Amino acid sequence: MSAEKTDRINEKLLSKKYQTNVIRLIKAWKKGLSDFEVSRETGIDPVKLKHIKTDIEMAHRKLRLARKKPLIPPGQAPGQRHIFFNPFM
């Protein structure tokens, strides 16, 4: 359960950055509301809403990549990747 909490984005930090309730925006998007509907409902400028959405998407992408990345001990070289197509053959 503690791993789930560490793998979440920091909504409070984003709320402070954009001076709005980001948790409310996320819940509205999960309900299926479009960006236009969310901006009309909350009174947030659509451009600012797009910035918030891209920040959330980038944070999720960073978390997913961090989870996928294998842990390599320092000093050990990463394994070779197979090349299936070699244009020089």
Protein backbone atom coordinates (compact mmCIF):
# COMPACT_ATOMS: atom_id res chain seq x y z
CA MET A 1 0.00 0.00 0.00
CA SER A 2 2.88 2.39 0.67
CA ALA A 3 4.20 1.78 -2.85
CA GLU A 4 0.92 3.04 -4.27
CA LYS A 5 1.20 6.29 -2.37
CA THR A 6 4.76 6.92 -3.52
CA ASP A 7 3.79 6.24 -7.15
CA ARG A 8 1.26 9.08 -7.26
CA ILE A 9 1.64 12.59 -8.53
CA ASN A 10 1.66 15.41 -6.02
CA GLU A 11 -1.76 17.02 -6.49
CA LYS A 12 -1.16 19.51 -3.69
CA LEU A 13 1.96 20.84 -5.38
CA LEU A 14 0.10 21.23 -8.69
CA SER A 15 -2.82 22.88 -6.89
CA LYS A 16 -0.45 25.40 -5.34
CA LYS A 17 1.32 25.99 -8.67
CA TYR A 18 -1.88 26.68 -10.62
CA GLN A 19 -3.90 28.08 -7.68
CA THR A 20 -6.83 25.75 -8.31
CA ASN A 21 -8.18 22.44 -7.03
CA VAL A 22 -6.41 19.87 -9.23
CA ILE A 23 -8.09 16.94 -7.48
CA ARG A 24 -11.47 18.32 -8.56
CA LEU A 25 -10.24 18.62 -12.15
CA ILE A 26 -8.97 15.03 -12.18
CA LYS A 27 -12.31 13.78 -10.85
CA ALA A 28 -14.15 15.73 -13.56
CA TRP A 29 -11.96 14.20 -16.28
CA LYS A 30 -12.50 10.73 -14.81
CA LYS A 31 -16.26 11.33 -15.02
CA GLY A 32 -15.81 11.84 -18.75
CA LEU A 33 -16.23 15.61 -19.00
CA SER A 34 -14.44 17.31 -21.88
CA ASP A 35 -11.92 20.09 -21.39
CA PHE A 36 -14.46 22.67 -22.52
CA GLU A 37 -17.04 21.43 -20.01
CA VAL A 38 -14.49 21.41 -17.19
CA SER A 39 -13.31 24.94 -18.00
CA ARG A 40 -16.90 26.20 -18.16
CA GLU A 41 -17.79 24.45 -14.88
CA THR A 42 -14.75 25.62 -12.95
CA GLY A 43 -14.16 29.00 -14.61
CA ILE A 44 -10.55 28.14 -15.51
CA ASP A 45 -9.11 29.44 -18.77
CA PRO A 46 -8.90 26.60 -21.37
CA VAL A 47 -5.21 27.32 -22.01
CA LYS A 48 -4.40 27.05 -18.30
CA LEU A 49 -6.45 23.85 -18.16
CA LYS A 50 -4.40 22.41 -21.04
CA HIS A 51 -1.18 23.25 -19.15
CA ILE A 52 -2.48 21.47 -16.06
CA LYS A 53 -3.46 18.44 -18.11
CA THR A 54 -0.05 18.20 -19.80
CA ASP A 55 1.73 18.52 -16.42
CA ILE A 56 -0.37 15.66 -15.04
CA GLU A 57 0.29 13.52 -18.14
CA MET A 58 4.04 14.16 -17.95
CA ALA A 59 4.11 13.27 -14.25
CA HIS A 60 2.31 10.00 -14.96
CA ARG A 61 4.66 9.24 -17.85
CA LYS A 62 7.71 9.82 -15.61
CA LEU A 63 6.26 7.51 -12.96
CA ARG A 64 5.56 4.76 -15.50
CA LEU A 65 9.04 5.02 -16.97
CA ALA A 66 10.61 4.92 -13.52
CA ARG A 67 8.65 1.75 -12.73
CA LYS A 68 9.68 0.12 -16.03
CA LYS A 69 13.35 1.03 -15.80
CA PRO A 70 15.30 -1.90 -14.36
CA LEU A 71 17.53 -1.17 -11.42
CA ILE A 72 21.16 -1.48 -12.50
CA PRO A 73 23.78 -1.50 -9.75
CA PRO A 74 26.42 1.23 -10.09
CA GLY A 75 29.51 0.14 -11.99
CA GLN A 76 27.67 -2.52 -13.98
CA ALA A 77 27.15 -1.99 -17.69
CA PRO A 78 23.61 -2.34 -19.04
CA GLY A 79 22.93 -5.47 -21.08
CA GLN A 80 23.21 -5.44 -24.82
CA ARG A 81 20.11 -5.00 -26.91
CA HIS A 82 19.51 -7.29 -29.84
CA ILE A 83 19.45 -5.70 -33.25
CA PHE A 84 17.03 -7.57 -35.47
CA PHE A 85 17.61 -5.47 -38.57
CA ASN A 86 21.10 -4.49 -39.58
CA PRO A 87 21.17 -2.24 -42.68
CA PHE A 88 24.89 -2.91 -43.22
CA MET A 89 24.58 -6.61 -43.97
